[in-house]
Amino acid sequence: MVVKGRTKVQTGATKMKAKRRRHDSTFKSRVALEAIKGIKTIQQIAKEYEVHPVQVSDWKKTLLERLPSVFTSGAAGSPETDFEKEREGLRAKIGELTVELDFVTKKSKQLGL
């Protein structure tokens, strides 16, 4: 294909998309903490760690939002607490369904079904 006197070469090969990089929580927290310190700009931090500046800002925002929960007493939000809450909810649902089944069984016998 010719465009304004230049030749443009088209190949049959297609470009493969690069896989998204996954960063572990330690890396994210290190980058976010450095952004919070404010010694370097977000642009400098992003260049140093080879991530997008928006990503650095997002990690910083997330860290600042979750930071107060670090010092809360008790195990609020821990996996064990969540598991216990879910277990109690399921037990309540089982009890509710048992009562409903008993009621339906009793009424079906009364109606001769």
C-alpha atoms as a PDB file:
ATOM      1  CA  MET A   1       0.000   0.000   0.000  1.00  0.00           C
ATOM      2  CA  VAL A   2       1.382   3.418  -0.919  1.00  0.00           C
ATOM      3  CA  VAL A   3       0.592   6.497   1.169  1.00  0.00           C
ATOM      4  CA  LYS A   4       1.924   9.932   0.014  1.00  0.00           C
ATOM      5  CA  GLY A   5       5.008   8.464  -1.603  1.00  0.00           C
ATOM      6  CA  ARG A   6       5.820   6.165   1.260  1.00  0.00           C
ATOM      7  CA  THR A   7       5.282   2.468   1.215  1.00  0.00           C
ATOM      8  CA  LYS A   8       3.429   0.846   4.022  1.00  0.00           C
ATOM      9  CA  VAL A   9       4.153  -2.808   4.472  1.00  0.00           C
ATOM     10  CA  GLN A  10       1.356  -4.992   5.733  1.00  0.00           C
ATOM     11  CA  THR A  11       2.188  -8.386   7.068  1.00  0.00           C
ATOM     12  CA  GLY A  12      -0.134 -11.306   7.561  1.00  0.00           C
ATOM     13  CA  ALA A  13       1.073 -11.808  11.124  1.00  0.00           C
ATOM     14  CA  THR A  14      -1.144 -10.466  13.851  1.00  0.00           C
ATOM     15  CA  LYS A  15       0.111  -8.884  17.028  1.00  0.00           C
ATOM     16  CA  MET A  16      -0.507 -10.798  20.220  1.00  0.00           C
ATOM     17  CA  LYS A  17      -1.736  -8.893  23.193  1.00  0.00           C
ATOM     18  CA  ALA A  18       0.624  -8.810  26.116  1.00  0.00           C
ATOM     19  CA  LYS A  19      -0.619 -10.554  29.241  1.00  0.00           C
ATOM     20  CA  ARG A  20      -1.642  -8.330  32.100  1.00  0.00           C
ATOM     21  CA  ARG A  21       0.850  -8.199  34.891  1.00  0.00           C
ATOM     22  CA  ARG A  22      -0.372  -9.226  38.327  1.00  0.00           C
ATOM     23  CA  HIS A  23       1.169  -7.490  41.309  1.00  0.00           C
ATOM     24  CA  ASP A  24       1.130  -8.998  44.764  1.00  0.00           C
ATOM     25  CA  SER A  25      -0.144  -7.104  47.773  1.00  0.00           C
ATOM     26  CA  THR A  26       3.372  -6.488  49.117  1.00  0.00           C
ATOM     27  CA  PHE A  27       4.409  -4.725  45.917  1.00  0.00           C
ATOM     28  CA  LYS A  28       1.225  -2.647  45.859  1.00  0.00           C
ATOM     29  CA  SER A  29       1.610  -1.593  49.475  1.00  0.00           C
ATOM     30  CA  ARG A  30       5.277  -0.665  48.967  1.00  0.00           C
ATOM     31  CA  VAL A  31       4.414   1.529  45.956  1.00  0.00           C
ATOM     32  CA  ALA A  32       1.400   3.087  47.722  1.00  0.00           C
ATOM     33  CA  LEU A  33       3.410   3.813  50.856  1.00  0.00           C
ATOM     34  CA  GLU A  34       6.098   5.511  48.807  1.00  0.00           C
ATOM     35  CA  ALA A  35       3.410   7.635  47.149  1.00  0.00           C
ATOM     36  CA  ILE A  36       1.987   8.590  50.552  1.00  0.00           C
ATOM     37  CA  LYS A  37       5.398   9.644  51.829  1.00  0.00           C
ATOM     38  CA  GLY A  38       5.529  12.251  49.060  1.00  0.00           C
ATOM     39  CA  ILE A  39       9.308  12.196  48.631  1.00  0.00           C
ATOM     40  CA  LYS A  40       8.911  11.464  44.915  1.00  0.00           C
ATOM     41  CA  THR A  41       6.145  12.441  42.545  1.00  0.00           C
ATOM     42  CA  ILE A  42       3.653   9.842  41.382  1.00  0.00           C
ATOM     43  CA  GLN A  43       5.165  10.101  37.915  1.00  0.00           C
ATOM     44  CA  GLN A  44       8.634   9.272  39.264  1.00  0.00           C
ATOM     45  CA  ILE A  45       7.323   6.353  41.301  1.00  0.00           C
ATOM     46  CA  ALA A  46       5.388   4.985  38.321  1.00  0.00           C
ATOM     47  CA  LYS A  47       8.467   5.158  36.121  1.00  0.00           C
ATOM     48  CA  GLU A  48      10.662   3.535  38.759  1.00  0.00           C
ATOM     49  CA  TYR A  49       8.298   0.598  39.330  1.00  0.00           C
ATOM     50  CA  GLU A  50       7.159   0.404  35.685  1.00  0.00           C
ATOM     51  CA  VAL A  51       3.452   0.853  36.388  1.00  0.00           C
ATOM     52  CA  HIS A  52       0.953   3.425  35.153  1.00  0.00           C
ATOM     53  CA  PRO A  53       0.659   6.608  37.251  1.00  0.00           C
ATOM     54  CA  VAL A  54      -3.107   6.113  37.564  1.00  0.00           C
ATOM     55  CA  GLN A  55      -2.443   2.702  39.100  1.00  0.00           C
ATOM     56  CA  VAL A  56      -0.126   4.273  41.679  1.00  0.00           C
ATOM     57  CA  SER A  57      -2.812   6.818  42.546  1.00  0.00           C
ATOM     58  CA  ASP A  58      -5.445   4.079  42.885  1.00  0.00           C
ATOM     59  CA  TRP A  59      -3.225   2.019  45.204  1.00  0.00           C
ATOM     60  CA  LYS A  60      -2.485   5.121  47.281  1.00  0.00           C
ATOM     61  CA  LYS A  61      -6.201   5.918  47.570  1.00  0.00           C
ATOM     62  CA  THR A  62      -7.020   2.323  48.549  1.00  0.00           C
ATOM     63  CA  LEU A  63      -4.306   2.292  51.214  1.00  0.00           C
ATOM     64  CA  LEU A  64      -5.499   5.568  52.700  1.00  0.00           C
ATOM     65  CA  GLU A  65      -9.105   4.300  52.802  1.00  0.00           C
ATOM     66  CA  ARG A  66      -8.207   1.030  54.524  1.00  0.00           C
ATOM     67  CA  LEU A  67      -5.544   2.369  56.868  1.00  0.00           C
ATOM     68  CA  PRO A  68      -7.875   3.204  59.796  1.00  0.00           C
ATOM     69  CA  SER A  69      -9.103  -0.407  59.954  1.00  0.00           C
ATOM     70  CA  VAL A  70      -5.581  -1.579  60.805  1.00  0.00           C
ATOM     71  CA  PHE A  71      -5.896  -0.225  64.330  1.00  0.00           C
ATOM     72  CA  THR A  72      -9.450  -1.353  65.102  1.00  0.00           C
ATOM     73  CA  SER A  73      -9.747  -3.727  68.021  1.00  0.00           C
ATOM     74  CA  GLY A  74     -11.097  -7.229  67.635  1.00  0.00           C
ATOM     75  CA  ALA A  75     -11.217  -9.373  64.585  1.00  0.00           C
ATOM     76  CA  ALA A  76     -13.799  -7.388  62.654  1.00  0.00           C
ATOM     77  CA  GLY A  77     -13.731  -8.401  59.039  1.00  0.00           C
ATOM     78  CA  SER A  78     -11.478 -11.390  59.617  1.00  0.00           C
ATOM     79  CA  PRO A  79     -12.161 -14.554  57.608  1.00  0.00           C
ATOM     80  CA  GLU A  80     -13.080 -16.451  60.784  1.00  0.00           C
ATOM     81  CA  THR A  81     -15.702 -13.865  61.758  1.00  0.00           C
ATOM     82  CA  ASP A  82     -17.132 -13.839  58.238  1.00  0.00           C
ATOM     83  CA  PHE A  83     -17.287 -17.641  58.297  1.00  0.00           C
ATOM     84  CA  GLU A  84     -19.141 -17.671  61.609  1.00  0.00           C
ATOM     85  CA  LYS A  85     -21.643 -15.076  60.392  1.00  0.00           C
ATOM     86  CA  GLU A  86     -22.277 -17.093  57.248  1.00  0.00           C
ATOM     87  CA  ARG A  87     -22.656 -20.305  59.273  1.00  0.00           C
ATOM     88  CA  GLU A  88     -25.237 -18.708  61.572  1.00  0.00           C
ATOM     89  CA  GLY A  89     -27.133 -17.335  58.582  1.00  0.00           C
ATOM     90  CA  LEU A  90     -27.219 -20.776  56.974  1.00  0.00           C
ATOM     91  CA  ARG A  91     -28.396 -22.417  60.195  1.00  0.00           C
ATOM     92  CA  ALA A  92     -31.213 -19.882  60.433  1.00  0.00           C
ATOM     93  CA  LYS A  93     -32.189 -20.590  56.842  1.00  0.00           C
ATOM     94  CA  ILE A  94     -32.202 -24.351  57.487  1.00  0.00           C
ATOM     95  CA  GLY A  95     -34.483 -23.816  60.478  1.00  0.00           C
ATOM     96  CA  GLU A  96     -36.803 -21.618  58.445  1.00  0.00           C
ATOM     97  CA  LEU A  97     -37.015 -24.172  55.630  1.00  0.00           C
ATOM     98  CA  THR A  98     -37.649 -26.991  58.121  1.00  0.00           C
ATOM     99  CA  VAL A  99     -40.587 -25.091  59.620  1.00  0.00           C
ATOM    100  CA  GLU A 100     -41.988 -24.413  56.149  1.00  0.00           C
ATOM    101  CA  LEU A 101     -41.647 -28.073  55.157  1.00  0.00           C
ATOM    102  CA  ASP A 102     -43.417 -29.207  58.322  1.00  0.00           C
ATOM    103  CA  PHE A 103     -46.234 -26.731  57.660  1.00  0.00           C
ATOM    104  CA  VAL A 104     -46.664 -27.827  54.036  1.00  0.00           C
ATOM    105  CA  THR A 105     -46.586 -31.513  55.021  1.00  0.00           C
ATOM    106  CA  LYS A 106     -49.220 -30.951  57.723  1.00  0.00           C
ATOM    107  CA  LYS A 107     -51.504 -28.962  55.400  1.00  0.00           C
ATOM    108  CA  SER A 108     -51.174 -31.491  52.568  1.00  0.00           C
ATOM    109  CA  LYS A 109     -52.247 -34.274  54.963  1.00  0.00           C
ATOM    110  CA  GLN A 110     -55.222 -32.196  56.123  1.00  0.00           C
ATOM    111  CA  LEU A 111     -56.278 -31.589  52.527  1.00  0.00           C
ATOM    112  CA  GLY A 112     -55.773 -35.239  51.622  1.00  0.00           C
ATOM    113  CA  LEU A 113     -53.055 -34.632  49.059  1.00  0.00           C
END
